[in-house]
Structure formats: C-alpha cells, structure tokens
Amino acid sequence: MSDDRADGKAPDKMTEAELAEYCYAHRDDPNMVGDVVAYNPPRGARVAIRLMFDEERRIRETADAAGMTMSAFLRQAALSAAVGQVIDIERLRRDVDEARSRLDDAWQALA
C-alpha cells in the first residue's frame, strides 16, 4: 500500500479503525488490489450412507471398472434412479407372492 496519509503513519502501524478508514478512502485505487485468486465453490451437500463391507467392496469395484471415483459413481447412480422409476419393494413382494400362488394353482390343475 502506498502511504499518502497526512500523518505519515504506515498502514501496518495503524489501528483497526485507522486501517478501515484508510482502506475505505482508497477503495477505488488500482494499486490496492492484490493478486487474483481462483475460487472453486464447494459442490454443496454432503451425504453419508451406511453400507455393509461387502456392499462397499462391490460398489468400489464397479466404480473402478467404470473408471470413476466411488463418489461420482454413486452420484450418477442416484441421479439416474431419480429420473427413472424406483422399485417399490413391498409391491414387488406382493406381486411375486401372487405369481407364486397362481403357479401353484396351475400346477395343481395340471396334476
């Protein structure tokens, strides 16, 4: 910072109030601008899930085979499922039970 204060005090010797006043007075001075720093904002939310060790291993192996990080793989899988149709496990169980019952009836009719 250039020193053009009337009292000749260097910025590193100023109080907080004096420094604030100095910076405000020189806010449009191009010599007061420091180096431009690149900023990458965080992606956002972080989600934790619980997996069995075998599940984690299988997911990691599949992600590795796809050339992806586990995070990218899980993100892609979750977002793909979000736009697709998610399976209702209870409905699937009822449908399988009904199909088994009908197959049993068909076998009995053939016997």
PDB file of N, CA and C in Angstrom:
ATOM      1  N   MET A   1       0.846  -1.174   0.000  1.00  0.00           N
ATOM      2  CA  MET A   1       0.000   0.000   0.000  1.00  0.00           C
ATOM      3  C   MET A   1       0.889   1.234   0.000  1.00  0.00           C
ATOM      4  N   SER A   2       0.488   2.196  -0.799  1.00  0.00           N
ATOM      5  CA  SER A   2       1.246   3.449  -0.771  1.00  0.00           C
ATOM      6  C   SER A   2       0.796   4.257   0.433  1.00  0.00           C
ATOM      7  N   ASP A   3       1.706   5.071   0.964  1.00  0.00           N
ATOM      8  CA  ASP A   3       1.385   5.832   2.172  1.00  0.00           C
ATOM      9  C   ASP A   3       1.194   7.288   1.799  1.00  0.00           C
ATOM     10  N   ASP A   4      -0.066   7.727   1.754  1.00  0.00           N
ATOM     11  CA  ASP A   4      -0.319   9.138   1.465  1.00  0.00           C
ATOM     12  C   ASP A   4      -1.189   9.743   2.553  1.00  0.00           C
ATOM     13  N   ARG A   5      -1.134   9.161   3.737  1.00  0.00           N
ATOM     14  CA  ARG A   5      -1.882   9.722   4.859  1.00  0.00           C
ATOM     15  C   ARG A   5      -1.201  10.996   5.319  1.00  0.00           C
ATOM     16  N   ALA A   6      -2.005  11.914   5.784  1.00  0.00           N
ATOM     17  CA  ALA A   6      -1.483  13.211   6.231  1.00  0.00           C
ATOM     18  C   ALA A   6      -0.555  13.051   7.428  1.00  0.00           C
ATOM     19  N   ASP A   7      -0.844  12.067   8.299  1.00  0.00           N
ATOM     20  CA  ASP A   7       0.003  11.913   9.482  1.00  0.00           C
ATOM     21  C   ASP A   7       1.242  11.065   9.204  1.00  0.00           C
ATOM     22  N   GLY A   8       1.355  10.502   7.971  1.00  0.00           N
ATOM     23  CA  GLY A   8       2.537   9.738   7.585  1.00  0.00           C
ATOM     24  C   GLY A   8       2.638   8.366   8.225  1.00  0.00           C
ATOM     25  N   LYS A   9       1.596   7.887   8.884  1.00  0.00           N
ATOM     26  CA  LYS A   9       1.626   6.583   9.554  1.00  0.00           C
ATOM     27  C   LYS A   9       1.494   5.471   8.512  1.00  0.00           C
ATOM     28  N   ALA A  10       2.367   4.494   8.557  1.00  0.00           N
ATOM     29  CA  ALA A  10       2.306   3.359   7.631  1.00  0.00           C
ATOM     30  C   ALA A  10       1.100   2.490   7.977  1.00  0.00           C
ATOM     31  N   PRO A  11       0.471   1.871   6.961  1.00  0.00           N
ATOM     32  CA  PRO A  11      -0.720   1.051   7.216  1.00  0.00           C
ATOM     33  C   PRO A  11      -0.492  -0.055   8.240  1.00  0.00           C
ATOM     34  N   ASP A  12       0.712  -0.627   8.297  1.00  0.00           N
ATOM     35  CA  ASP A  12       0.944  -1.702   9.261  1.00  0.00           C
ATOM     36  C   ASP A  12       1.095  -1.197  10.697  1.00  0.00           C
ATOM     37  N   LYS A  13       1.101   0.122  10.879  1.00  0.00           N
ATOM     38  CA  LYS A  13       1.193   0.718  12.220  1.00  0.00           C
ATOM     39  C   LYS A  13      -0.136   1.343  12.655  1.00  0.00           C
ATOM     40  N   MET A  14      -1.179   1.193  11.827  1.00  0.00           N
ATOM     41  CA  MET A  14      -2.474   1.812  12.114  1.00  0.00           C
ATOM     42  C   MET A  14      -3.314   0.941  13.029  1.00  0.00           C
ATOM     43  N   THR A  15      -4.237   1.588  13.721  1.00  0.00           N
ATOM     44  CA  THR A  15      -5.239   0.852  14.496  1.00  0.00           C
ATOM     45  C   THR A  15      -6.255   0.281  13.508  1.00  0.00           C
ATOM     46  N   GLU A  16      -7.130  -0.607  13.996  1.00  0.00           N
ATOM     47  CA  GLU A  16      -8.178  -1.175  13.137  1.00  0.00           C
ATOM     48  C   GLU A  16      -9.041  -0.074  12.534  1.00  0.00           C
ATOM     49  N   ALA A  17      -9.415   0.903  13.329  1.00  0.00           N
ATOM     50  CA  ALA A  17     -10.267   1.994  12.851  1.00  0.00           C
ATOM     51  C   ALA A  17      -9.545   2.820  11.799  1.00  0.00           C
ATOM     52  N   GLU A  18      -8.271   3.125  12.031  1.00  0.00           N
ATOM     53  CA  GLU A  18      -7.499   3.905  11.055  1.00  0.00           C
ATOM     54  C   GLU A  18      -7.317   3.117   9.762  1.00  0.00           C
ATOM     55  N   LEU A  19      -7.058   1.834   9.887  1.00  0.00           N
ATOM     56  CA  LEU A  19      -6.876   0.999   8.699  1.00  0.00           C
ATOM     57  C   LEU A  19      -8.179   0.901   7.906  1.00  0.00           C
ATOM     58  N   ALA A  20      -9.296   0.758   8.595  1.00  0.00           N
ATOM     59  CA  ALA A  20     -10.597   0.709   7.920  1.00  0.00           C
ATOM     60  C   ALA A  20     -10.857   2.009   7.178  1.00  0.00           C
ATOM     61  N   GLU A  21     -10.581   3.122   7.815  1.00  0.00           N
ATOM     62  CA  GLU A  21     -10.758   4.433   7.184  1.00  0.00           C
ATOM     63  C   GLU A  21      -9.837   4.567   5.967  1.00  0.00           C
ATOM     64  N   TYR A  22      -8.591   4.137   6.106  1.00  0.00           N
ATOM     65  CA  TYR A  22      -7.610   4.209   5.018  1.00  0.00           C
ATOM     66  C   TYR A  22      -8.066   3.353   3.826  1.00  0.00           C
ATOM     67  N   CYS A  23      -8.474   2.117   4.112  1.00  0.00           N
ATOM     68  CA  CYS A  23      -8.913   1.219   3.032  1.00  0.00           C
ATOM     69  C   CYS A  23     -10.163   1.758   2.341  1.00  0.00           C
ATOM     70  N   TYR A  24     -11.092   2.316   3.108  1.00  0.00           N
ATOM     71  CA  TYR A  24     -12.298   2.873   2.512  1.00  0.00           C
ATOM     72  C   TYR A  24     -11.951   4.059   1.621  1.00  0.00           C
ATOM     73  N   ALA A  25     -11.048   4.899   2.085  1.00  0.00           N
ATOM     74  CA  ALA A  25     -10.644   6.079   1.307  1.00  0.00           C
ATOM     75  C   ALA A  25      -9.945   5.677   0.010  1.00  0.00           C
ATOM     76  N   HIS A  26      -9.306   4.513  -0.006  1.00  0.00           N
ATOM     77  CA  HIS A  26      -8.554   4.060  -1.180  1.00  0.00           C
ATOM     78  C   HIS A  26      -9.229   2.881  -1.890  1.00  0.00           C
ATOM     79  N   ARG A  27     -10.528   2.713  -1.685  1.00  0.00           N
ATOM     80  CA  ARG A  27     -11.228   1.555  -2.238  1.00  0.00           C
ATOM     81  C   ARG A  27     -11.202   1.484  -3.759  1.00  0.00           C
ATOM     82  N   ASP A  28     -11.035   2.606  -4.451  1.00  0.00           N
ATOM     83  CA  ASP A  28     -11.003   2.603  -5.915  1.00  0.00           C
ATOM     84  C   ASP A  28      -9.583   2.676  -6.468  1.00  0.00           C
ATOM     85  N   ASP A  29      -8.594   2.625  -5.610  1.00  0.00           N
ATOM     86  CA  ASP A  29      -7.190   2.716  -6.025  1.00  0.00           C
ATOM     87  C   ASP A  29      -6.746   1.369  -6.603  1.00  0.00           C
ATOM     88  N   PRO A  30      -6.370   1.321  -7.905  1.00  0.00           N
ATOM     89  CA  PRO A  30      -5.966   0.047  -8.508  1.00  0.00           C
ATOM     90  C   PRO A  30      -4.709  -0.545  -7.864  1.00  0.00           C
ATOM     91  N   ASN A  31      -3.907   0.274  -7.200  1.00  0.00           N
ATOM     92  CA  ASN A  31      -2.705  -0.239  -6.542  1.00  0.00           C
ATOM     93  C   ASN A  31      -3.021  -0.972  -5.236  1.00  0.00           C
ATOM     94  N   MET A  32      -4.252  -0.868  -4.769  1.00  0.00           N
ATOM     95  CA  MET A  32      -4.651  -1.522  -3.522  1.00  0.00           C
ATOM     96  C   MET A  32      -5.130  -2.957  -3.754  1.00  0.00           C
ATOM     97  N   VAL A  33      -5.295  -3.348  -5.018  1.00  0.00           N
ATOM     98  CA  VAL A  33      -5.801  -4.674  -5.341  1.00  0.00           C
ATOM     99  C   VAL A  33      -4.655  -5.679  -5.275  1.00  0.00           C
ATOM    100  N   GLY A  34      -4.880  -6.785  -4.595  1.00  0.00           N
ATOM    101  CA  GLY A  34      -3.873  -7.840  -4.501  1.00  0.00           C
ATOM    102  C   GLY A  34      -3.972  -8.797  -5.677  1.00  0.00           C
ATOM    103  N   ASP A  35      -3.314  -9.930  -5.545  1.00  0.00           N
ATOM    104  CA  ASP A  35      -3.339 -10.952  -6.587  1.00  0.00           C
ATOM    105  C   ASP A  35      -4.741 -11.538  -6.710  1.00  0.00           C
ATOM    106  N   VAL A  36      -5.114 -11.863  -7.942  1.00  0.00           N
ATOM    107  CA  VAL A  36      -6.395 -12.509  -8.192  1.00  0.00           C
ATOM    108  C   VAL A  36      -6.250 -13.973  -7.784  1.00  0.00           C
ATOM    109  N   VAL A  37      -7.191 -14.452  -7.009  1.00  0.00           N
ATOM    110  CA  VAL A  37      -7.151 -15.821  -6.514  1.00  0.00           C
ATOM    111  C   VAL A  37      -8.331 -16.582  -7.099  1.00  0.00           C
ATOM    112  N   ALA A  38      -8.049 -17.760  -7.661  1.00  0.00           N
ATOM    113  CA  ALA A  38      -9.124 -18.594  -8.197  1.00  0.00           C
ATOM    114  C   ALA A  38      -9.910 -19.191  -7.037  1.00  0.00           C
ATOM    115  N   TYR A  39     -11.221 -19.210  -7.178  1.00  0.00           N
ATOM    116  CA  TYR A  39     -12.076 -19.762  -6.137  1.00  0.00           C
ATOM    117  C   TYR A  39     -13.007 -20.785  -6.757  1.00  0.00           C
ATOM    118  N   ASN A  40     -12.969 -21.980  -6.236  1.00  0.00           N
ATOM    119  CA  ASN A  40     -13.886 -23.026  -6.659  1.00  0.00           C
ATOM    120  C   ASN A  40     -14.877 -23.260  -5.524  1.00  0.00           C
ATOM    121  N   PRO A  41     -16.126 -22.846  -5.714  1.00  0.00           N
ATOM    122  CA  PRO A  41     -17.099 -23.022  -4.630  1.00  0.00           C
ATOM    123  C   PRO A  41     -17.337 -24.507  -4.359  1.00  0.00           C
ATOM    124  N   PRO A  42     -17.658 -24.856  -3.137  1.00  0.00           N
ATOM    125  CA  PRO A  42     -17.936 -26.258  -2.828  1.00  0.00           C
ATOM    126  C   PRO A  42     -19.162 -26.730  -3.596  1.00  0.00           C
ATOM    127  N   ARG A  43     -19.197 -28.024  -3.893  1.00  0.00           N
ATOM    128  CA  ARG A  43     -20.315 -28.581  -4.657  1.00  0.00           C
ATOM    129  C   ARG A  43     -21.637 -28.415  -3.925  1.00  0.00           C
ATOM    130  N   GLY A  44     -21.607 -28.495  -2.658  1.00  0.00           N
ATOM    131  CA  GLY A  44     -22.853 -28.341  -1.916  1.00  0.00           C
ATOM    132  C   GLY A  44     -22.972 -29.369  -0.823  1.00  0.00           C
ATOM    133  N   ALA A  45     -24.073 -30.090  -0.834  1.00  0.00           N
ATOM    134  CA  ALA A  45     -24.393 -31.017   0.252  1.00  0.00           C
ATOM    135  C   ALA A  45     -23.479 -32.232   0.256  1.00  0.00           C
ATOM    136  N   ARG A  46     -23.301 -32.757   1.437  1.00  0.00           N
ATOM    137  CA  ARG A  46     -22.542 -33.987   1.623  1.00  0.00           C
ATOM    138  C   ARG A  46     -23.515 -34.988   2.236  1.00  0.00           C
ATOM    139  N   VAL A  47     -23.551 -36.196   1.687  1.00  0.00           N
ATOM    140  CA  VAL A  47     -24.490 -37.210   2.145  1.00  0.00           C
ATOM    141  C   VAL A  47     -23.705 -38.425   2.632  1.00  0.00           C
ATOM    142  N   ALA A  48     -24.063 -38.926   3.788  1.00  0.00           N
ATOM    143  CA  ALA A  48     -23.423 -40.132   4.328  1.00  0.00           C
ATOM    144  C   ALA A  48     -24.408 -41.291   4.220  1.00  0.00           C
ATOM    145  N   ILE A  49     -23.894 -42.451   3.831  1.00  0.00           N
ATOM    146  CA  ILE A  49     -24.727 -43.654   3.776  1.00  0.00           C
ATOM    147  C   ILE A  49     -24.010 -44.770   4.524  1.00  0.00           C
ATOM    148  N   ARG A  50     -24.783 -45.721   4.987  1.00  0.00           N
ATOM    149  CA  ARG A  50     -24.205 -46.880   5.672  1.00  0.00           C
ATOM    150  C   ARG A  50     -24.290 -48.069   4.729  1.00  0.00           C
ATOM    151  N   LEU A  51     -23.173 -48.777   4.589  1.00  0.00           N
ATOM    152  CA  LEU A  51     -23.111 -49.945   3.725  1.00  0.00           C
ATOM    153  C   LEU A  51     -22.495 -51.105   4.484  1.00  0.00           C
ATOM    154  N   MET A  52     -22.883 -52.304   4.112  1.00  0.00           N
ATOM    155  CA  MET A  52     -22.179 -53.486   4.603  1.00  0.00           C
ATOM    156  C   MET A  52     -20.820 -53.486   3.895  1.00  0.00           C
ATOM    157  N   PHE A  53     -19.829 -54.128   4.502  1.00  0.00           N
ATOM    158  CA  PHE A  53     -18.494 -54.136   3.903  1.00  0.00           C
ATOM    159  C   PHE A  53     -18.514 -54.733   2.501  1.00  0.00           C
ATOM    160  N   ASP A  54     -19.302 -55.792   2.321  1.00  0.00           N
ATOM    161  CA  ASP A  54     -19.390 -56.428   1.011  1.00  0.00           C
ATOM    162  C   ASP A  54     -20.034 -55.496  -0.012  1.00  0.00           C
ATOM    163  N   GLU A  55     -21.049 -54.743   0.408  1.00  0.00           N
ATOM    164  CA  GLU A  55     -21.695 -53.783  -0.497  1.00  0.00           C
ATOM    165  C   GLU A  55     -20.705 -52.703  -0.926  1.00  0.00           C
ATOM    166  N   GLU A  56     -19.950 -52.189   0.038  1.00  0.00           N
ATOM    167  CA  GLU A  56     -18.965 -51.143  -0.269  1.00  0.00           C
ATOM    168  C   GLU A  56     -17.927 -51.672  -1.246  1.00  0.00           C
ATOM    169  N   ARG A  57     -17.453 -52.905  -1.026  1.00  0.00           N
ATOM    170  CA  ARG A  57     -16.449 -53.501  -1.915  1.00  0.00           C
ATOM    171  C   ARG A  57     -17.003 -53.653  -3.331  1.00  0.00           C
ATOM    172  N   ARG A  58     -18.236 -54.148  -3.449  1.00  0.00           N
ATOM    173  CA  ARG A  58     -18.839 -54.343  -4.770  1.00  0.00           C
ATOM    174  C   ARG A  58     -19.027 -53.012  -5.498  1.00  0.00           C
ATOM    175  N   ILE A  59     -19.480 -51.996  -4.769  1.00  0.00           N
ATOM    176  CA  ILE A  59     -19.667 -50.677  -5.387  1.00  0.00           C
ATOM    177  C   ILE A  59     -18.327 -50.103  -5.819  1.00  0.00           C
ATOM    178  N   ARG A  60     -17.312 -50.206  -4.942  1.00  0.00           N
ATOM    179  CA  ARG A  60     -15.985 -49.680  -5.277  1.00  0.00           C
ATOM    180  C   ARG A  60     -15.404 -50.391  -6.500  1.00  0.00           C
ATOM    181  N   GLU A  61     -15.531 -51.719  -6.554  1.00  0.00           N
ATOM    182  CA  GLU A  61     -15.016 -52.477  -7.705  1.00  0.00           C
ATOM    183  C   GLU A  61     -15.722 -52.063  -8.994  1.00  0.00           C
ATOM    184  N   THR A  62     -17.027 -51.881  -8.920  1.00  0.00           N
ATOM    185  CA  THR A  62     -17.791 -51.474 -10.103  1.00  0.00           C
ATOM    186  C   THR A  62     -17.408 -50.066 -10.540  1.00  0.00           C
ATOM    187  N   ALA A  63     -17.234 -49.169  -9.582  1.00  0.00           N
ATOM    188  CA  ALA A  63     -16.809 -47.797  -9.902  1.00  0.00           C
ATOM    189  C   ALA A  63     -15.421 -47.807 -10.529  1.00  0.00           C
ATOM    190  N   ASP A  64     -14.502 -48.600  -9.954  1.00  0.00           N
ATOM    191  CA  ASP A  64     -13.146 -48.703 -10.513  1.00  0.00           C
ATOM    192  C   ASP A  64     -13.187 -49.230 -11.941  1.00  0.00           C
ATOM    193  N   ALA A  65     -14.005 -50.258 -12.176  1.00  0.00           N
ATOM    194  CA  ALA A  65     -14.114 -50.839 -13.518  1.00  0.00           C
ATOM    195  C   ALA A  65     -14.664 -49.828 -14.517  1.00  0.00           C
ATOM    196  N   ALA A  66     -15.497 -48.907 -14.034  1.00  0.00           N
ATOM    197  CA  ALA A  66     -16.067 -47.867 -14.901  1.00  0.00           C
ATOM    198  C   ALA A  66     -15.130 -46.668 -15.028  1.00  0.00           C
ATOM    199  N   GLY A  67     -13.993 -46.704 -14.302  1.00  0.00           N
ATOM    200  CA  GLY A  67     -13.049 -45.587 -14.354  1.00  0.00           C
ATOM    201  C   GLY A  67     -13.556 -44.360 -13.614  1.00  0.00           C
ATOM    202  N   MET A  68     -14.356 -44.594 -12.579  1.00  0.00           N
ATOM    203  CA  MET A  68     -14.958 -43.487 -11.834  1.00  0.00           C
ATOM    204  C   MET A  68     -14.572 -43.577 -10.367  1.00  0.00           C
ATOM    205  N   THR A  69     -14.632 -42.437  -9.689  1.00  0.00           N
ATOM    206  CA  THR A  69     -14.496 -42.468  -8.238  1.00  0.00           C
ATOM    207  C   THR A  69     -15.789 -43.045  -7.677  1.00  0.00           C
ATOM    208  N   MET A  70     -15.721 -43.505  -6.450  1.00  0.00           N
ATOM    209  CA  MET A  70     -16.928 -44.044  -5.825  1.00  0.00           C
ATOM    210  C   MET A  70     -17.979 -42.947  -5.676  1.00  0.00           C
ATOM    211  N   SER A  71     -17.538 -41.735  -5.358  1.00  0.00           N
ATOM    212  CA  SER A  71     -18.463 -40.611  -5.209  1.00  0.00           C
ATOM    213  C   SER A  71     -19.182 -40.323  -6.525  1.00  0.00           C
ATOM    214  N   ALA A  72     -18.430 -40.251  -7.618  1.00  0.00           N
ATOM    215  CA  ALA A  72     -19.035 -39.965  -8.923  1.00  0.00           C
ATOM    216  C   ALA A  72     -19.978 -41.091  -9.341  1.00  0.00           C
ATOM    217  N   PHE A  73     -19.567 -42.330  -9.073  1.00  0.00           N
ATOM    218  CA  PHE A  73     -20.396 -43.478  -9.430  1.00  0.00           C
ATOM    219  C   PHE A  73     -21.726 -43.449  -8.677  1.00  0.00           C
ATOM    220  N   LEU A  74     -21.661 -43.227  -7.360  1.00  0.00           N
ATOM    221  CA  LEU A  74     -22.888 -43.186  -6.560  1.00  0.00           C
ATOM    222  C   LEU A  74     -23.773 -42.006  -6.945  1.00  0.00           C
ATOM    223  N   ARG A  75     -23.152 -40.852  -7.245  1.00  0.00           N
ATOM    224  CA  ARG A  75     -23.927 -39.681  -7.668  1.00  0.00           C
ATOM    225  C   ARG A  75     -24.672 -39.998  -8.962  1.00  0.00           C
ATOM    226  N   GLN A  76     -23.946 -40.589  -9.938  1.00  0.00           N
ATOM    227  CA  GLN A  76     -24.575 -40.908 -11.218  1.00  0.00           C
ATOM    228  C   GLN A  76     -25.686 -41.945 -11.037  1.00  0.00           C
ATOM    229  N   ALA A  77     -25.441 -42.954 -10.224  1.00  0.00           N
ATOM    230  CA  ALA A  77     -26.455 -43.987  -9.998  1.00  0.00           C
ATOM    231  C   ALA A  77     -27.697 -43.401  -9.330  1.00  0.00           C
ATOM    232  N   ALA A  78     -27.485 -42.552  -8.337  1.00  0.00           N
ATOM    233  CA  ALA A  78     -28.622 -41.956  -7.628  1.00  0.00           C
ATOM    234  C   ALA A  78     -29.415 -41.025  -8.532  1.00  0.00           C
ATOM    235  N   LEU A  79     -28.724 -40.204  -9.314  1.00  0.00           N
ATOM    236  CA  LEU A  79     -29.435 -39.281 -10.199  1.00  0.00           C
ATOM    237  C   LEU A  79     -30.147 -40.024 -11.322  1.00  0.00           C
ATOM    238  N   SER A  80     -29.558 -41.116 -11.809  1.00  0.00           N
ATOM    239  CA  SER A  80     -30.231 -41.930 -12.826  1.00  0.00           C
ATOM    240  C   SER A  80     -31.499 -42.547 -12.251  1.00  0.00           C
ATOM    241  N   ALA A  81     -31.411 -43.025 -11.019  1.00  0.00           N
ATOM    242  CA  ALA A  81     -32.586 -43.612 -10.369  1.00  0.00           C
ATOM    243  C   ALA A  81     -33.651 -42.557 -10.108  1.00  0.00           C
ATOM    244  N   ALA A  82     -33.220 -41.330  -9.847  1.00  0.00           N
ATOM    245  CA  ALA A  82     -34.173 -40.259  -9.537  1.00  0.00           C
ATOM    246  C   ALA A  82     -35.050 -39.914 -10.734  1.00  0.00           C
ATOM    247  N   VAL A  83     -34.532 -40.058 -11.947  1.00  0.00           N
ATOM    248  CA  VAL A  83     -35.343 -39.748 -13.127  1.00  0.00           C
ATOM    249  C   VAL A  83     -36.053 -40.985 -13.658  1.00  0.00           C
ATOM    250  N   GLY A  84     -35.640 -42.144 -13.195  1.00  0.00           N
ATOM    251  CA  GLY A  84     -36.281 -43.384 -13.612  1.00  0.00           C
ATOM    252  C   GLY A  84     -37.342 -43.788 -12.617  1.00  0.00           C
ATOM    253  N   GLN A  85     -37.802 -45.009 -12.758  1.00  0.00           N
ATOM    254  CA  GLN A  85     -38.822 -45.498 -11.843  1.00  0.00           C
ATOM    255  C   GLN A  85     -38.141 -46.342 -10.773  1.00  0.00           C
ATOM    256  N   VAL A  86     -38.307 -45.967  -9.536  1.00  0.00           N
ATOM    257  CA  VAL A  86     -37.722 -46.695  -8.420  1.00  0.00           C
ATOM    258  C   VAL A  86     -38.643 -47.853  -8.066  1.00  0.00           C
ATOM    259  N   ILE A  87     -38.055 -49.000  -7.760  1.00  0.00           N
ATOM    260  CA  ILE A  87     -38.834 -50.199  -7.454  1.00  0.00           C
ATOM    261  C   ILE A  87     -39.424 -50.101  -6.054  1.00  0.00           C
ATOM    262  N   ASP A  88     -40.715 -50.361  -5.968  1.00  0.00           N
ATOM    263  CA  ASP A  88     -41.401 -50.438  -4.675  1.00  0.00           C
ATOM    264  C   ASP A  88     -41.266 -51.885  -4.204  1.00  0.00           C
ATOM    265  N   ILE A  89     -40.377 -52.125  -3.243  1.00  0.00           N
ATOM    266  CA  ILE A  89     -40.059 -53.482  -2.797  1.00  0.00           C
ATOM    267  C   ILE A  89     -41.293 -54.206  -2.262  1.00  0.00           C
ATOM    268  N   GLU A  90     -42.107 -53.524  -1.488  1.00  0.00           N
ATOM    269  CA  GLU A  90     -43.306 -54.166  -0.930  1.00  0.00           C
ATOM    270  C   GLU A  90     -44.265 -54.585  -2.045  1.00  0.00           C
ATOM    271  N   ARG A  91     -44.431 -53.727  -3.024  1.00  0.00           N
ATOM    272  CA  ARG A  91     -45.303 -54.067  -4.169  1.00  0.00           C
ATOM    273  C   ARG A  91     -44.727 -55.255  -4.928  1.00  0.00           C
ATOM    274  N   LEU A  92     -43.408 -55.267  -5.105  1.00  0.00           N
ATOM    275  CA  LEU A  92     -42.750 -56.373  -5.798  1.00  0.00           C
ATOM    276  C   LEU A  92     -42.963 -57.683  -5.037  1.00  0.00           C
ATOM    277  N   ARG A  93     -42.840 -57.641  -3.715  1.00  0.00           N
ATOM    278  CA  ARG A  93     -43.059 -58.854  -2.906  1.00  0.00           C
ATOM    279  C   ARG A  93     -44.486 -59.366  -3.055  1.00  0.00           C
ATOM    280  N   ARG A  94     -45.452 -58.450  -3.015  1.00  0.00           N
ATOM    281  CA  ARG A  94     -46.855 -58.863  -3.188  1.00  0.00           C
ATOM    282  C   ARG A  94     -47.071 -59.485  -4.566  1.00  0.00           C
ATOM    283  N   ASP A  95     -46.491 -58.869  -5.598  1.00  0.00           N
ATOM    284  CA  ASP A  95     -46.652 -59.393  -6.957  1.00  0.00           C
ATOM    285  C   ASP A  95     -46.010 -60.772  -7.104  1.00  0.00           C
ATOM    286  N   VAL A  96     -44.834 -60.964  -6.506  1.00  0.00           N
ATOM    287  CA  VAL A  96     -44.157 -62.269  -6.571  1.00  0.00           C
ATOM    288  C   VAL A  96     -44.977 -63.315  -5.827  1.00  0.00           C
ATOM    289  N   ASP A  97     -45.491 -62.953  -4.646  1.00  0.00           N
ATOM    290  CA  ASP A  97     -46.334 -63.894  -3.889  1.00  0.00           C
ATOM    291  C   ASP A  97     -47.570 -64.290  -4.692  1.00  0.00           C
ATOM    292  N   GLU A  98     -48.183 -63.316  -5.351  1.00  0.00           N
ATOM    293  CA  GLU A  98     -49.363 -63.618  -6.167  1.00  0.00           C
ATOM    294  C   GLU A  98     -48.997 -64.515  -7.347  1.00  0.00           C
ATOM    295  N   ALA A  99     -47.865 -64.244  -7.980  1.00  0.00           N
ATOM    296  CA  ALA A  99     -47.425 -65.076  -9.107  1.00  0.00           C
ATOM    297  C   ALA A  99     -47.150 -66.504  -8.639  1.00  0.00           C
ATOM    298  N   ARG A 100     -46.513 -66.653  -7.474  1.00  0.00           N
ATOM    299  CA  ARG A 100     -46.259 -67.998  -6.931  1.00  0.00           C
ATOM    300  C   ARG A 100     -47.574 -68.730  -6.658  1.00  0.00           C
ATOM    301  N   SER A 101     -48.529 -68.004  -6.096  1.00  0.00           N
ATOM    302  CA  SER A 101     -49.824 -68.607  -5.790  1.00  0.00           C
ATOM    303  C   SER A 101     -50.508 -69.091  -7.071  1.00  0.00           C
ATOM    304  N   ARG A 102     -50.449 -68.291  -8.106  1.00  0.00           N
ATOM    305  CA  ARG A 102     -51.075 -68.684  -9.381  1.00  0.00           C
ATOM    306  C   ARG A 102     -50.344 -69.863 -10.018  1.00  0.00           C
ATOM    307  N   LEU A 103     -49.006 -69.872  -9.885  1.00  0.00           N
ATOM    308  CA  LEU A 103     -48.245 -71.014 -10.409  1.00  0.00           C
ATOM    309  C   LEU A 103     -48.599 -72.290  -9.650  1.00  0.00           C
ATOM    310  N   ASP A 104     -48.726 -72.176  -8.323  1.00  0.00           N
ATOM    311  CA  ASP A 104     -49.126 -73.341  -7.522  1.00  0.00           C
ATOM    312  C   ASP A 104     -50.492 -73.850  -7.972  1.00  0.00           C
ATOM    313  N   ASP A 105     -51.436 -72.918  -8.185  1.00  0.00           N
ATOM    314  CA  ASP A 105     -52.771 -73.307  -8.658  1.00  0.00           C
ATOM    315  C   ASP A 105     -52.691 -73.989 -10.019  1.00  0.00           C
ATOM    316  N   ALA A 106     -51.842 -73.459 -10.901  1.00  0.00           N
ATOM    317  CA  ALA A 106     -51.706 -74.043 -12.240  1.00  0.00           C
ATOM    318  C   ALA A 106     -51.114 -75.446 -12.155  1.00  0.00           C
ATOM    319  N   TRP A 107     -50.104 -75.653 -11.298  1.00  0.00           N
ATOM    320  CA  TRP A 107     -49.502 -76.983 -11.141  1.00  0.00           C
ATOM    321  C   TRP A 107     -50.526 -77.976 -10.581  1.00  0.00           C
ATOM    322  N   GLN A 108     -51.334 -77.518  -9.641  1.00  0.00           N
ATOM    323  CA  GLN A 108     -52.349 -78.407  -9.067  1.00  0.00           C
ATOM    324  C   GLN A 108     -53.405 -78.768 -10.105  1.00  0.00           C
ATOM    325  N   ALA A 109     -53.730 -77.816 -10.971  1.00  0.00           N
ATOM    326  CA  ALA A 109     -54.726 -78.090 -12.015  1.00  0.00           C
ATOM    327  C   ALA A 109     -54.181 -79.084 -13.038  1.00  0.00           C
ATOM    328  N   LEU A 110     -52.877 -79.049 -13.277  1.00  0.00           N
ATOM    329  CA  LEU A 110     -52.267 -79.966 -14.239  1.00  0.00           C
ATOM    330  C   LEU A 110     -52.043 -81.355 -13.653  1.00  0.00           C
ATOM    331  N   ALA A 111     -51.999 -81.448 -12.344  1.00  0.00           N
ATOM    332  CA  ALA A 111     -51.689 -82.741 -11.716  1.00  0.00           C
ATOM    333  C   ALA A 111     -52.840 -83.701 -11.726  1.00  0.00           C
TER     334      ALA A 111
END
